[in-house]
Amino acid sequence: MPEAPLPARSIGWGVVGYGWVARDYAAPAILAAGHRVAGICDPGAAAREAAARAHPGAALHAELGALLRDPEIEAIYVATPNHLHRAAVEACAEAGVPVLCEKPMAATLADAEAMSAAVERTGVLYGTAFDQRHHPAHVAIRDAVHAGAVGTPTAVRIAYACWLGRDWSVTGEGDNWRADPARAGGGALMDLAPHGLDLTDFLLGDPVQEVAAVTQRRVQDYAVDDGAIVMGRTRGGALLSLHVAYNCPDALPRRRLEVLGSGGMIIAENTMGQDPGGSVTLIGADGARRALDVPDADALPFTRQMMAFGRAVATGDRGGFSAERDLHTMRLLQRAYAMDPQCP
């Protein structure tokens, strides 16, 4: 994906679910991308009050139907808990409103399949919010790999971990739905692995086709997995090793991406996540090291993502957004869980 251009025109966005990600990343990114937060929908009074303070010009709604009837709304960003994604996306599809939905696509594969069918039937633009595709460092790595910097890619290795306790909260709502299997659909594997699976496809231009996984409930006191190792192989034969975790203290090194090949290796540290920055090093087959140039290095991944989706809305060019591709990622997740003998 090339450097995100300026928006074709300002888009009026509606935000569904005003929690941590919407408040701290998505809504500010909409504004930074040159668009407008025209409306916000959340059933919680406290969330709507917070939205009113942050976006005084936005219309506030407790239910989605009212937001979708607002003529100012040209695109929807869905940031509800996973089990509510399907209802929101189906409503957007029926209303003919383009929708960008947080990852994972849904809490269950059945819900994801229904969402994909709805947007295919109505022709509505749909995207899953894989912001890692828009990180400047990852774009630079993708371009270097495609230019032959590592020769033939042979493997991708990713560590993407954090600490997520039972009572984790950023906005103070005191409800960590990510630890609830009914609402989240799974734990660290469901939440973090989609980024690695999708990013491997983006970096290599070669989707993961085969997966196996083992999970753990080792440290955290909740019913979902707090860690997992995913192994995979792409259609072209490159291997994937992905470690995700909710049980790694945040002060430890926990975000690393490596792309290995027959002619070199790229190592990225602290690029996985919502923020820009990190370091990217290219190591040649002779062992020589150099920093990889990262154009637009300070650009926020969320801003670039909102800019890209806004351009797709304005121009009709779907670009890098694909419900079919994202449904494939959901199928990989289900297969990974199903192959783990410890999963219920």
C-alpha atoms as a PDB file:
ATOM      1  CA  MET A   1       0.000   0.000   0.000  1.00  0.00           C
ATOM      2  CA  PRO A   2       1.600   3.314  -1.039  1.00  0.00           C
ATOM      3  CA  GLU A   3       1.859   6.342   1.216  1.00  0.00           C
ATOM      4  CA  ALA A   4      -1.667   7.479   2.030  1.00  0.00           C
ATOM      5  CA  PRO A   5      -2.618  10.510  -0.100  1.00  0.00           C
ATOM      6  CA  LEU A   6      -4.674  13.435   1.079  1.00  0.00           C
ATOM      7  CA  PRO A   7      -8.414  12.697   1.330  1.00  0.00           C
ATOM      8  CA  ALA A   8     -10.452  13.066  -1.851  1.00  0.00           C
ATOM      9  CA  ARG A   9     -12.970  15.030   0.220  1.00  0.00           C
ATOM     10  CA  SER A  10     -14.126  15.286   3.811  1.00  0.00           C
ATOM     11  CA  ILE A  11     -16.282  12.334   4.895  1.00  0.00           C
ATOM     12  CA  GLY A  12     -18.884  12.443   7.665  1.00  0.00           C
ATOM     13  CA  TRP A  13     -18.246   9.466   9.949  1.00  0.00           C
ATOM     14  CA  GLY A  14     -20.427   7.771  12.508  1.00  0.00           C
ATOM     15  CA  VAL A  15     -18.739   5.940  15.381  1.00  0.00           C
ATOM     16  CA  VAL A  16     -20.530   2.938  16.904  1.00  0.00           C
ATOM     17  CA  GLY A  17     -19.181   2.093  20.359  1.00  0.00           C
ATOM     18  CA  TYR A  18     -17.260   4.857  22.130  1.00  0.00           C
ATOM     19  CA  GLY A  19     -14.742   2.867  24.177  1.00  0.00           C
ATOM     20  CA  TRP A  20     -10.969   3.059  24.485  1.00  0.00           C
ATOM     21  CA  VAL A  21      -9.968   2.427  20.869  1.00  0.00           C
ATOM     22  CA  ALA A  22     -12.615   4.763  19.446  1.00  0.00           C
ATOM     23  CA  ARG A  23     -11.878   7.503  21.978  1.00  0.00           C
ATOM     24  CA  ASP A  24      -8.077   7.448  21.925  1.00  0.00           C
ATOM     25  CA  TYR A  25      -7.331   6.349  18.367  1.00  0.00           C
ATOM     26  CA  ALA A  26     -10.129   6.073  15.824  1.00  0.00           C
ATOM     27  CA  ALA A  27     -12.077   9.288  16.430  1.00  0.00           C
ATOM     28  CA  PRO A  28      -8.915  11.456  16.613  1.00  0.00           C
ATOM     29  CA  ALA A  29      -7.661   9.687  13.479  1.00  0.00           C
ATOM     30  CA  ILE A  30     -10.862  10.530  11.610  1.00  0.00           C
ATOM     31  CA  LEU A  31     -10.215  14.205  12.319  1.00  0.00           C
ATOM     32  CA  ALA A  32      -6.493  13.975  11.533  1.00  0.00           C
ATOM     33  CA  ALA A  33      -7.359  12.362   8.194  1.00  0.00           C
ATOM     34  CA  GLY A  34      -9.342  15.453   7.231  1.00  0.00           C
ATOM     35  CA  HIS A  35     -12.782  13.973   7.910  1.00  0.00           C
ATOM     36  CA  ARG A  36     -15.591  14.753  10.402  1.00  0.00           C
ATOM     37  CA  VAL A  37     -17.008  12.858  13.363  1.00  0.00           C
ATOM     38  CA  ALA A  38     -20.647  13.577  12.509  1.00  0.00           C
ATOM     39  CA  GLY A  39     -22.333  11.166  14.932  1.00  0.00           C
ATOM     40  CA  ILE A  40     -21.604   8.772  17.772  1.00  0.00           C
ATOM     41  CA  CYS A  41     -23.735   5.865  18.953  1.00  0.00           C
ATOM     42  CA  ASP A  42     -23.301   4.143  22.317  1.00  0.00           C
ATOM     43  CA  PRO A  43     -25.972   2.729  24.664  1.00  0.00           C
ATOM     44  CA  GLY A  44     -24.025   3.915  27.723  1.00  0.00           C
ATOM     45  CA  ALA A  45     -24.850   7.371  29.080  1.00  0.00           C
ATOM     46  CA  ALA A  46     -21.302   7.839  30.415  1.00  0.00           C
ATOM     47  CA  ALA A  47     -19.826   7.032  27.003  1.00  0.00           C
ATOM     48  CA  ARG A  48     -22.148   9.514  25.300  1.00  0.00           C
ATOM     49  CA  GLU A  49     -21.211  12.182  27.829  1.00  0.00           C
ATOM     50  CA  ALA A  50     -17.520  11.581  27.122  1.00  0.00           C
ATOM     51  CA  ALA A  51     -18.228  11.743  23.390  1.00  0.00           C
ATOM     52  CA  ALA A  52     -20.085  15.029  23.810  1.00  0.00           C
ATOM     53  CA  ARG A  53     -17.097  16.567  25.578  1.00  0.00           C
ATOM     54  CA  ALA A  54     -14.624  15.369  22.941  1.00  0.00           C
ATOM     55  CA  HIS A  55     -16.826  16.021  19.873  1.00  0.00           C
ATOM     56  CA  PRO A  56     -19.295  18.810  20.699  1.00  0.00           C
ATOM     57  CA  GLY A  57     -20.542  19.029  17.122  1.00  0.00           C
ATOM     58  CA  ALA A  58     -21.415  15.347  16.776  1.00  0.00           C
ATOM     59  CA  ALA A  59     -24.981  14.044  17.040  1.00  0.00           C
ATOM     60  CA  LEU A  60     -25.299  11.533  19.900  1.00  0.00           C
ATOM     61  CA  HIS A  61     -27.484   8.430  19.755  1.00  0.00           C
ATOM     62  CA  ALA A  62     -28.264   5.514  22.032  1.00  0.00           C
ATOM     63  CA  GLU A  63     -29.285   3.205  19.173  1.00  0.00           C
ATOM     64  CA  LEU A  64     -27.832   2.528  15.748  1.00  0.00           C
ATOM     65  CA  GLY A  65     -30.978   3.073  13.674  1.00  0.00           C
ATOM     66  CA  ALA A  66     -31.061   6.772  14.478  1.00  0.00           C
ATOM     67  CA  LEU A  67     -27.416   7.168  13.518  1.00  0.00           C
ATOM     68  CA  LEU A  68     -27.939   5.420  10.184  1.00  0.00           C
ATOM     69  CA  ARG A  69     -30.883   7.689   9.364  1.00  0.00           C
ATOM     70  CA  ASP A  70     -28.702  10.786   9.781  1.00  0.00           C
ATOM     71  CA  PRO A  71     -27.978  12.197   6.283  1.00  0.00           C
ATOM     72  CA  GLU A  72     -24.598  13.494   7.516  1.00  0.00           C
ATOM     73  CA  ILE A  73     -23.305   9.938   7.981  1.00  0.00           C
ATOM     74  CA  GLU A  74     -21.333   8.661   4.971  1.00  0.00           C
ATOM     75  CA  ALA A  75     -19.295   5.933   6.675  1.00  0.00           C
ATOM     76  CA  ILE A  76     -19.458   3.978   9.924  1.00  0.00           C
ATOM     77  CA  TYR A  77     -16.647   2.808  12.186  1.00  0.00           C
ATOM     78  CA  VAL A  78     -17.690  -0.080  14.456  1.00  0.00           C
ATOM     79  CA  ALA A  79     -15.795  -0.454  17.758  1.00  0.00           C
ATOM     80  CA  THR A  80     -18.246  -2.457  19.841  1.00  0.00           C
ATOM     81  CA  PRO A  81     -17.348  -5.686  21.649  1.00  0.00           C
ATOM     82  CA  ASN A  82     -16.820  -8.487  19.130  1.00  0.00           C
ATOM     83  CA  HIS A  83     -20.169 -10.221  19.625  1.00  0.00           C
ATOM     84  CA  LEU A  84     -21.996  -7.059  18.513  1.00  0.00           C
ATOM     85  CA  HIS A  85     -20.109  -6.611  15.234  1.00  0.00           C
ATOM     86  CA  ARG A  86     -22.528  -8.697  13.190  1.00  0.00           C
ATOM     87  CA  ALA A  87     -25.670  -6.726  14.077  1.00  0.00           C
ATOM     88  CA  ALA A  88     -23.958  -3.402  13.407  1.00  0.00           C
ATOM     89  CA  VAL A  89     -22.443  -4.454  10.067  1.00  0.00           C
ATOM     90  CA  GLU A  90     -25.696  -6.039   8.851  1.00  0.00           C
ATOM     91  CA  ALA A  91     -27.586  -2.846   9.742  1.00  0.00           C
ATOM     92  CA  CYS A  92     -25.048  -0.729   7.870  1.00  0.00           C
ATOM     93  CA  ALA A  93     -25.256  -3.031   4.863  1.00  0.00           C
ATOM     94  CA  GLU A  94     -29.057  -2.809   4.758  1.00  0.00           C
ATOM     95  CA  ALA A  95     -28.842   0.991   5.066  1.00  0.00           C
ATOM     96  CA  GLY A  96     -26.253   1.178   2.275  1.00  0.00           C
ATOM     97  CA  VAL A  97     -23.608   2.803   4.488  1.00  0.00           C
ATOM     98  CA  PRO A  98     -19.919   1.822   4.077  1.00  0.00           C
ATOM     99  CA  VAL A  99     -18.557   0.236   7.245  1.00  0.00           C
ATOM    100  CA  LEU A 100     -15.099  -0.203   8.749  1.00  0.00           C
ATOM    101  CA  CYS A 101     -15.291  -2.775  11.554  1.00  0.00           C
ATOM    102  CA  GLU A 102     -12.726  -3.434  14.263  1.00  0.00           C
ATOM    103  CA  LYS A 103     -10.865  -6.731  14.258  1.00  0.00           C
ATOM    104  CA  PRO A 104     -11.468  -9.563  14.716  1.00  0.00           C
ATOM    105  CA  MET A 105     -14.236  -9.539  12.145  1.00  0.00           C
ATOM    106  CA  ALA A 106     -16.631 -11.122  14.677  1.00  0.00           C
ATOM    107  CA  ALA A 107     -16.745 -13.276  17.807  1.00  0.00           C
ATOM    108  CA  THR A 108     -17.641 -16.388  15.779  1.00  0.00           C
ATOM    109  CA  LEU A 109     -17.059 -17.631  12.267  1.00  0.00           C
ATOM    110  CA  ALA A 110     -20.829 -17.942  11.732  1.00  0.00           C
ATOM    111  CA  ASP A 111     -21.245 -14.231  12.483  1.00  0.00           C
ATOM    112  CA  ALA A 112     -18.364 -13.331  10.158  1.00  0.00           C
ATOM    113  CA  GLU A 113     -19.870 -15.407   7.351  1.00  0.00           C
ATOM    114  CA  ALA A 114     -23.218 -13.640   7.821  1.00  0.00           C
ATOM    115  CA  MET A 115     -21.489 -10.251   7.716  1.00  0.00           C
ATOM    116  CA  SER A 116     -19.644 -11.154   4.529  1.00  0.00           C
ATOM    117  CA  ALA A 117     -22.880 -12.348   2.935  1.00  0.00           C
ATOM    118  CA  ALA A 118     -24.646  -9.112   3.892  1.00  0.00           C
ATOM    119  CA  VAL A 119     -22.061  -6.802   2.356  1.00  0.00           C
ATOM    120  CA  GLU A 120     -21.767  -8.991  -0.742  1.00  0.00           C
ATOM    121  CA  ARG A 121     -25.543  -8.992  -1.207  1.00  0.00           C
ATOM    122  CA  THR A 122     -25.885  -5.219  -0.814  1.00  0.00           C
ATOM    123  CA  GLY A 123     -22.605  -4.225  -2.446  1.00  0.00           C
ATOM    124  CA  VAL A 124     -21.655  -2.024   0.509  1.00  0.00           C
ATOM    125  CA  LEU A 125     -17.980  -1.188   0.997  1.00  0.00           C
ATOM    126  CA  TYR A 126     -16.661  -3.174   3.956  1.00  0.00           C
ATOM    127  CA  GLY A 127     -13.284  -3.242   5.664  1.00  0.00           C
ATOM    128  CA  THR A 128     -11.856  -4.796   8.808  1.00  0.00           C
ATOM    129  CA  ALA A 129      -9.691  -2.352  10.733  1.00  0.00           C
ATOM    130  CA  PHE A 130      -6.303  -4.001  10.305  1.00  0.00           C
ATOM    131  CA  ASP A 131      -4.380  -0.843  11.113  1.00  0.00           C
ATOM    132  CA  GLN A 132      -1.025  -2.689  10.962  1.00  0.00           C
ATOM    133  CA  ARG A 133      -1.317  -2.641   7.160  1.00  0.00           C
ATOM    134  CA  HIS A 134      -1.082   1.138   7.403  1.00  0.00           C
ATOM    135  CA  HIS A 135       1.887   1.423   9.778  1.00  0.00           C
ATOM    136  CA  PRO A 136       4.650   3.333   7.914  1.00  0.00           C
ATOM    137  CA  ALA A 137       7.286   0.799   8.994  1.00  0.00           C
ATOM    138  CA  HIS A 138       5.248  -2.127   7.704  1.00  0.00           C
ATOM    139  CA  VAL A 139       4.641  -0.399   4.381  1.00  0.00           C
ATOM    140  CA  ALA A 140       8.395   0.147   4.077  1.00  0.00           C
ATOM    141  CA  ILE A 141       9.089  -3.503   4.928  1.00  0.00           C
ATOM    142  CA  ARG A 142       6.521  -4.684   2.379  1.00  0.00           C
ATOM    143  CA  ASP A 143       8.106  -2.518  -0.309  1.00  0.00           C
ATOM    144  CA  ALA A 144      11.605  -3.766   0.553  1.00  0.00           C
ATOM    145  CA  VAL A 145      10.511  -7.411   0.464  1.00  0.00           C
ATOM    146  CA  HIS A 146       8.808  -6.940  -2.881  1.00  0.00           C
ATOM    147  CA  ALA A 147      11.969  -5.230  -4.201  1.00  0.00           C
ATOM    148  CA  GLY A 148      14.001  -8.330  -3.336  1.00  0.00           C
ATOM    149  CA  ALA A 149      15.782  -7.028  -0.237  1.00  0.00           C
ATOM    150  CA  VAL A 150      15.657 -10.435   1.489  1.00  0.00           C
ATOM    151  CA  GLY A 151      15.702 -12.625  -1.614  1.00  0.00           C
ATOM    152  CA  THR A 152      13.042 -15.325  -1.542  1.00  0.00           C
ATOM    153  CA  PRO A 153      11.028 -14.882   1.700  1.00  0.00           C
ATOM    154  CA  THR A 154      11.223 -18.061   3.761  1.00  0.00           C
ATOM    155  CA  ALA A 155       9.661 -17.165   7.138  1.00  0.00           C
ATOM    156  CA  VAL A 156       7.896 -14.494   9.169  1.00  0.00           C
ATOM    157  CA  ARG A 157       8.362 -14.441  12.942  1.00  0.00           C
ATOM    158  CA  ILE A 158       6.200 -12.207  15.127  1.00  0.00           C
ATOM    159  CA  ALA A 159       5.988 -11.593  18.856  1.00  0.00           C
ATOM    160  CA  TYR A 160       2.979  -9.439  19.786  1.00  0.00           C
ATOM    161  CA  ALA A 161       2.252  -9.479  23.497  1.00  0.00           C
ATOM    162  CA  CYS A 162       0.895  -7.348  26.314  1.00  0.00           C
ATOM    163  CA  TRP A 163      -0.477  -7.539  29.852  1.00  0.00           C
ATOM    164  CA  LEU A 164      -4.253  -7.798  30.110  1.00  0.00           C
ATOM    165  CA  GLY A 165      -5.510  -8.559  33.601  1.00  0.00           C
ATOM    166  CA  ARG A 166      -9.076  -9.408  34.543  1.00  0.00           C
ATOM    167  CA  ASP A 167      -9.799  -5.822  35.641  1.00  0.00           C
ATOM    168  CA  TRP A 168      -7.942  -4.118  32.784  1.00  0.00           C
ATOM    169  CA  SER A 169      -9.494  -0.804  31.779  1.00  0.00           C
ATOM    170  CA  VAL A 170      -8.323   2.372  30.078  1.00  0.00           C
ATOM    171  CA  THR A 171     -11.461   4.497  30.152  1.00  0.00           C
ATOM    172  CA  GLY A 172     -12.445   3.484  33.696  1.00  0.00           C
ATOM    173  CA  GLU A 173     -15.630   1.648  32.734  1.00  0.00           C
ATOM    174  CA  GLY A 174     -14.492  -1.379  34.757  1.00  0.00           C
ATOM    175  CA  ASP A 175     -15.780  -3.932  32.255  1.00  0.00           C
ATOM    176  CA  ASN A 176     -13.032  -5.917  30.538  1.00  0.00           C
ATOM    177  CA  TRP A 177     -15.153  -7.661  27.906  1.00  0.00           C
ATOM    178  CA  ARG A 178     -11.981  -9.060  26.267  1.00  0.00           C
ATOM    179  CA  ALA A 179     -11.795 -11.580  29.132  1.00  0.00           C
ATOM    180  CA  ASP A 180     -15.377 -12.759  28.545  1.00  0.00           C
ATOM    181  CA  PRO A 181     -15.547 -15.656  26.041  1.00  0.00           C
ATOM    182  CA  ALA A 182     -19.185 -14.915  25.161  1.00  0.00           C
ATOM    183  CA  ARG A 183     -18.412 -11.367  24.072  1.00  0.00           C
ATOM    184  CA  ALA A 184     -14.831 -11.698  22.827  1.00  0.00           C
ATOM    185  CA  GLY A 185     -15.049 -15.144  21.212  1.00  0.00           C
ATOM    186  CA  GLY A 186     -11.608 -16.038  22.559  1.00  0.00           C
ATOM    187  CA  GLY A 187      -8.593 -14.518  24.250  1.00  0.00           C
ATOM    188  CA  ALA A 188      -5.117 -13.503  23.122  1.00  0.00           C
ATOM    189  CA  LEU A 189      -5.364 -15.723  20.051  1.00  0.00           C
ATOM    190  CA  MET A 190      -8.664 -14.172  18.948  1.00  0.00           C
ATOM    191  CA  ASP A 191      -7.607 -10.601  19.700  1.00  0.00           C
ATOM    192  CA  LEU A 192      -3.968 -10.375  18.642  1.00  0.00           C
ATOM    193  CA  ALA A 193      -3.338 -13.181  16.148  1.00  0.00           C
ATOM    194  CA  PRO A 194      -5.544 -11.653  13.400  1.00  0.00           C
ATOM    195  CA  HIS A 195      -3.005  -8.836  13.085  1.00  0.00           C
ATOM    196  CA  GLY A 196      -0.144 -11.285  12.521  1.00  0.00           C
ATOM    197  CA  LEU A 197      -2.080 -13.417  10.052  1.00  0.00           C
ATOM    198  CA  ASP A 198      -3.208 -10.404   8.045  1.00  0.00           C
ATOM    199  CA  LEU A 199       0.171  -8.678   8.240  1.00  0.00           C
ATOM    200  CA  THR A 200       1.955 -11.734   6.844  1.00  0.00           C
ATOM    201  CA  ASP A 201      -0.324 -11.590   3.798  1.00  0.00           C
ATOM    202  CA  PHE A 202       0.332  -7.847   3.454  1.00  0.00           C
ATOM    203  CA  LEU A 203       4.114  -8.076   3.781  1.00  0.00           C
ATOM    204  CA  LEU A 204       4.612 -11.042   1.447  1.00  0.00           C
ATOM    205  CA  GLY A 205       1.616 -10.689  -0.864  1.00  0.00           C
ATOM    206  CA  ASP A 206       1.054 -14.338  -0.010  1.00  0.00           C
ATOM    207  CA  PRO A 207      -1.831 -15.365   2.284  1.00  0.00           C
ATOM    208  CA  VAL A 208      -1.479 -17.894   5.083  1.00  0.00           C
ATOM    209  CA  GLN A 209      -3.233 -21.104   4.031  1.00  0.00           C
ATOM    210  CA  GLU A 210      -2.404 -23.623   6.778  1.00  0.00           C
ATOM    211  CA  VAL A 211      -2.356 -23.078  10.551  1.00  0.00           C
ATOM    212  CA  ALA A 212      -1.926 -24.966  13.796  1.00  0.00           C
ATOM    213  CA  ALA A 213      -1.897 -23.545  17.304  1.00  0.00           C
ATOM    214  CA  VAL A 214      -1.512 -24.248  20.983  1.00  0.00           C
ATOM    215  CA  THR A 215      -2.956 -21.962  23.648  1.00  0.00           C
ATOM    216  CA  GLN A 216      -2.422 -21.470  27.352  1.00  0.00           C
ATOM    217  CA  ARG A 217      -4.321 -20.205  30.388  1.00  0.00           C
ATOM    218  CA  ARG A 218      -1.211 -19.811  32.438  1.00  0.00           C
ATOM    219  CA  VAL A 219      -1.239 -16.539  34.379  1.00  0.00           C
ATOM    220  CA  GLN A 220      -4.486 -14.610  34.111  1.00  0.00           C
ATOM    221  CA  ASP A 221      -7.557 -15.619  36.103  1.00  0.00           C
ATOM    222  CA  TYR A 222     -10.186 -15.747  33.379  1.00  0.00           C
ATOM    223  CA  ALA A 223     -11.812 -18.220  31.012  1.00  0.00           C
ATOM    224  CA  VAL A 224     -10.125 -17.187  27.748  1.00  0.00           C
ATOM    225  CA  ASP A 225      -6.597 -18.043  26.638  1.00  0.00           C
ATOM    226  CA  ASP A 226      -3.878 -15.677  27.875  1.00  0.00           C
ATOM    227  CA  GLY A 227      -1.257 -16.844  25.382  1.00  0.00           C
ATOM    228  CA  ALA A 228      -0.855 -18.772  22.152  1.00  0.00           C
ATOM    229  CA  ILE A 229       1.669 -19.928  19.592  1.00  0.00           C
ATOM    230  CA  VAL A 230       0.445 -20.055  15.995  1.00  0.00           C
ATOM    231  CA  MET A 231       2.357 -21.856  13.269  1.00  0.00           C
ATOM    232  CA  GLY A 232       1.437 -21.406   9.641  1.00  0.00           C
ATOM    233  CA  ARG A 233       2.431 -21.758   6.020  1.00  0.00           C
ATOM    234  CA  THR A 234       1.540 -19.413   3.186  1.00  0.00           C
ATOM    235  CA  ARG A 235       0.227 -20.475  -0.176  1.00  0.00           C
ATOM    236  CA  GLY A 236       3.708 -19.984  -1.623  1.00  0.00           C
ATOM    237  CA  GLY A 237       5.454 -21.964   1.127  1.00  0.00           C
ATOM    238  CA  ALA A 238       6.783 -19.325   3.540  1.00  0.00           C
ATOM    239  CA  LEU A 239       6.480 -20.242   7.219  1.00  0.00           C
ATOM    240  CA  LEU A 240       4.878 -18.203  10.002  1.00  0.00           C
ATOM    241  CA  SER A 241       5.654 -18.299  13.711  1.00  0.00           C
ATOM    242  CA  LEU A 242       3.407 -16.047  15.806  1.00  0.00           C
ATOM    243  CA  HIS A 243       3.486 -15.648  19.586  1.00  0.00           C
ATOM    244  CA  VAL A 244       0.630 -13.647  21.114  1.00  0.00           C
ATOM    245  CA  ALA A 245      -0.001 -13.107  24.796  1.00  0.00           C
ATOM    246  CA  TYR A 246      -2.007 -11.326  27.476  1.00  0.00           C
ATOM    247  CA  ASN A 247       0.497 -12.432  30.149  1.00  0.00           C
ATOM    248  CA  CYS A 248       3.626 -10.424  29.258  1.00  0.00           C
ATOM    249  CA  PRO A 249       4.446  -7.373  31.440  1.00  0.00           C
ATOM    250  CA  ASP A 250       4.374  -4.267  29.298  1.00  0.00           C
ATOM    251  CA  ALA A 251       7.844  -3.156  30.420  1.00  0.00           C
ATOM    252  CA  LEU A 252       9.425  -6.212  28.757  1.00  0.00           C
ATOM    253  CA  PRO A 253      10.452  -6.407  25.073  1.00  0.00           C
ATOM    254  CA  ARG A 254       7.273  -7.811  23.542  1.00  0.00           C
ATOM    255  CA  ARG A 255       6.792  -6.501  20.013  1.00  0.00           C
ATOM    256  CA  ARG A 256       9.101  -7.839  17.324  1.00  0.00           C
ATOM    257  CA  LEU A 257       8.664  -8.649  13.652  1.00  0.00           C
ATOM    258  CA  GLU A 258      11.168 -10.540  11.498  1.00  0.00           C
ATOM    259  CA  VAL A 259      11.057 -11.368   7.802  1.00  0.00           C
ATOM    260  CA  LEU A 260      13.681 -13.924   6.788  1.00  0.00           C
ATOM    261  CA  GLY A 261      14.734 -14.781   3.251  1.00  0.00           C
ATOM    262  CA  SER A 262      17.338 -16.485   1.119  1.00  0.00           C
ATOM    263  CA  GLY A 263      19.245 -13.210   0.724  1.00  0.00           C
ATOM    264  CA  GLY A 264      18.755 -11.325   3.975  1.00  0.00           C
ATOM    265  CA  MET A 265      16.550 -10.477   6.909  1.00  0.00           C
ATOM    266  CA  ILE A 266      14.492  -7.543   8.161  1.00  0.00           C
ATOM    267  CA  ILE A 267      14.024  -6.984  11.889  1.00  0.00           C
ATOM    268  CA  ALA A 268      11.436  -4.515  13.200  1.00  0.00           C
ATOM    269  CA  GLU A 269      11.148  -3.719  16.884  1.00  0.00           C
ATOM    270  CA  ASN A 270       8.224  -1.897  18.497  1.00  0.00           C
ATOM    271  CA  THR A 271       6.320  -1.395  15.261  1.00  0.00           C
ATOM    272  CA  MET A 272       3.436  -3.725  16.135  1.00  0.00           C
ATOM    273  CA  GLY A 273       0.730  -1.586  17.741  1.00  0.00           C
ATOM    274  CA  GLN A 274      -1.365   1.539  17.310  1.00  0.00           C
ATOM    275  CA  ASP A 275       1.504   4.043  17.431  1.00  0.00           C
ATOM    276  CA  PRO A 276       4.105   4.979  14.801  1.00  0.00           C
ATOM    277  CA  GLY A 277       7.843   4.681  15.287  1.00  0.00           C
ATOM    278  CA  GLY A 278       9.959   1.692  16.178  1.00  0.00           C
ATOM    279  CA  SER A 279      13.158   0.628  14.448  1.00  0.00           C
ATOM    280  CA  VAL A 280      13.658  -1.367  11.239  1.00  0.00           C
ATOM    281  CA  THR A 281      16.981  -2.995  10.350  1.00  0.00           C
ATOM    282  CA  LEU A 282      17.938  -4.746   7.123  1.00  0.00           C
ATOM    283  CA  ILE A 283      20.657  -7.409   7.421  1.00  0.00           C
ATOM    284  CA  GLY A 284      22.218  -8.632   4.191  1.00  0.00           C
ATOM    285  CA  ALA A 285      23.352 -12.174   3.469  1.00  0.00           C
ATOM    286  CA  ASP A 286      26.902 -10.975   4.262  1.00  0.00           C
ATOM    287  CA  GLY A 287      25.811  -9.828   7.727  1.00  0.00           C
ATOM    288  CA  ALA A 288      26.010  -6.129   6.920  1.00  0.00           C
ATOM    289  CA  ARG A 289      23.381  -4.069   8.750  1.00  0.00           C
ATOM    290  CA  ARG A 290      21.684  -0.833   7.845  1.00  0.00           C
ATOM    291  CA  ALA A 291      18.602   1.006   8.982  1.00  0.00           C
ATOM    292  CA  LEU A 292      15.730   0.669   6.531  1.00  0.00           C
ATOM    293  CA  ASP A 293      14.365   4.002   5.379  1.00  0.00           C
ATOM    294  CA  VAL A 294      10.746   4.484   6.498  1.00  0.00           C
ATOM    295  CA  PRO A 295       8.964   7.275   4.595  1.00  0.00           C
ATOM    296  CA  ASP A 296       6.385   9.245   6.583  1.00  0.00           C
ATOM    297  CA  ALA A 297       7.690   7.477   9.697  1.00  0.00           C
ATOM    298  CA  ASP A 298       5.754   9.607  12.187  1.00  0.00           C
ATOM    299  CA  ALA A 299       2.344   9.080  10.590  1.00  0.00           C
ATOM    300  CA  LEU A 300      -0.207   7.352  12.806  1.00  0.00           C
ATOM    301  CA  PRO A 301      -1.422   3.980  11.447  1.00  0.00           C
ATOM    302  CA  PHE A 302      -5.021   4.792  12.412  1.00  0.00           C
ATOM    303  CA  THR A 303      -4.879   8.124  10.572  1.00  0.00           C
ATOM    304  CA  ARG A 304      -3.572   6.474   7.410  1.00  0.00           C
ATOM    305  CA  GLN A 305      -6.258   3.797   7.731  1.00  0.00           C
ATOM    306  CA  MET A 306      -9.083   6.348   8.027  1.00  0.00           C
ATOM    307  CA  MET A 307      -7.636   8.285   5.120  1.00  0.00           C
ATOM    308  CA  ALA A 308      -7.526   5.141   2.965  1.00  0.00           C
ATOM    309  CA  PHE A 309     -11.088   4.116   3.826  1.00  0.00           C
ATOM    310  CA  GLY A 310     -12.335   7.667   3.289  1.00  0.00           C
ATOM    311  CA  ARG A 311     -10.800   7.694  -0.178  1.00  0.00           C
ATOM    312  CA  ALA A 312     -12.458   4.359  -0.932  1.00  0.00           C
ATOM    313  CA  VAL A 313     -15.813   5.859   0.098  1.00  0.00           C
ATOM    314  CA  ALA A 314     -15.269   9.017  -1.941  1.00  0.00           C
ATOM    315  CA  THR A 315     -13.895   7.401  -5.096  1.00  0.00           C
ATOM    316  CA  GLY A 316     -15.541   3.971  -5.151  1.00  0.00           C
ATOM    317  CA  ASP A 317     -12.108   2.327  -5.417  1.00  0.00           C
ATOM    318  CA  ARG A 318     -12.107  -0.391  -2.731  1.00  0.00           C
ATOM    319  CA  GLY A 319      -8.316  -0.481  -2.734  1.00  0.00           C
ATOM    320  CA  GLY A 320      -6.953  -2.769  -0.031  1.00  0.00           C
ATOM    321  CA  PHE A 321     -10.292  -3.539   1.665  1.00  0.00           C
ATOM    322  CA  SER A 322     -11.783  -6.995   1.188  1.00  0.00           C
ATOM    323  CA  ALA A 323     -14.478  -8.829   3.154  1.00  0.00           C
ATOM    324  CA  GLU A 324     -13.505 -12.071   1.403  1.00  0.00           C
ATOM    325  CA  ARG A 325      -9.893 -11.779   2.563  1.00  0.00           C
ATOM    326  CA  ASP A 326     -10.941 -10.932   6.113  1.00  0.00           C
ATOM    327  CA  LEU A 327     -13.343 -13.878   6.214  1.00  0.00           C
ATOM    328  CA  HIS A 328     -10.398 -16.105   5.262  1.00  0.00           C
ATOM    329  CA  THR A 329      -8.541 -14.781   8.324  1.00  0.00           C
ATOM    330  CA  MET A 330     -11.532 -15.650  10.525  1.00  0.00           C
ATOM    331  CA  ARG A 331     -11.524 -19.178   9.130  1.00  0.00           C
ATOM    332  CA  LEU A 332      -7.843 -19.484  10.003  1.00  0.00           C
ATOM    333  CA  LEU A 333      -8.614 -18.399  13.574  1.00  0.00           C
ATOM    334  CA  GLN A 334     -11.357 -20.976  13.960  1.00  0.00           C
ATOM    335  CA  ARG A 335      -9.047 -23.651  12.552  1.00  0.00           C
ATOM    336  CA  ALA A 336      -6.302 -22.628  14.980  1.00  0.00           C
ATOM    337  CA  TYR A 337      -8.611 -22.917  17.994  1.00  0.00           C
ATOM    338  CA  ALA A 338     -10.040 -26.193  16.751  1.00  0.00           C
ATOM    339  CA  MET A 339      -6.594 -27.772  16.444  1.00  0.00           C
ATOM    340  CA  ASP A 340      -5.638 -27.024  20.055  1.00  0.00           C
ATOM    341  CA  PRO A 341      -6.489 -30.059  22.226  1.00  0.00           C
ATOM    342  CA  GLN A 342      -6.773 -27.867  25.342  1.00  0.00           C
ATOM    343  CA  CYS A 343      -9.542 -25.686  23.896  1.00  0.00           C
ATOM    344  CA  PRO A 344     -13.050 -26.499  25.146  1.00  0.00           C
END
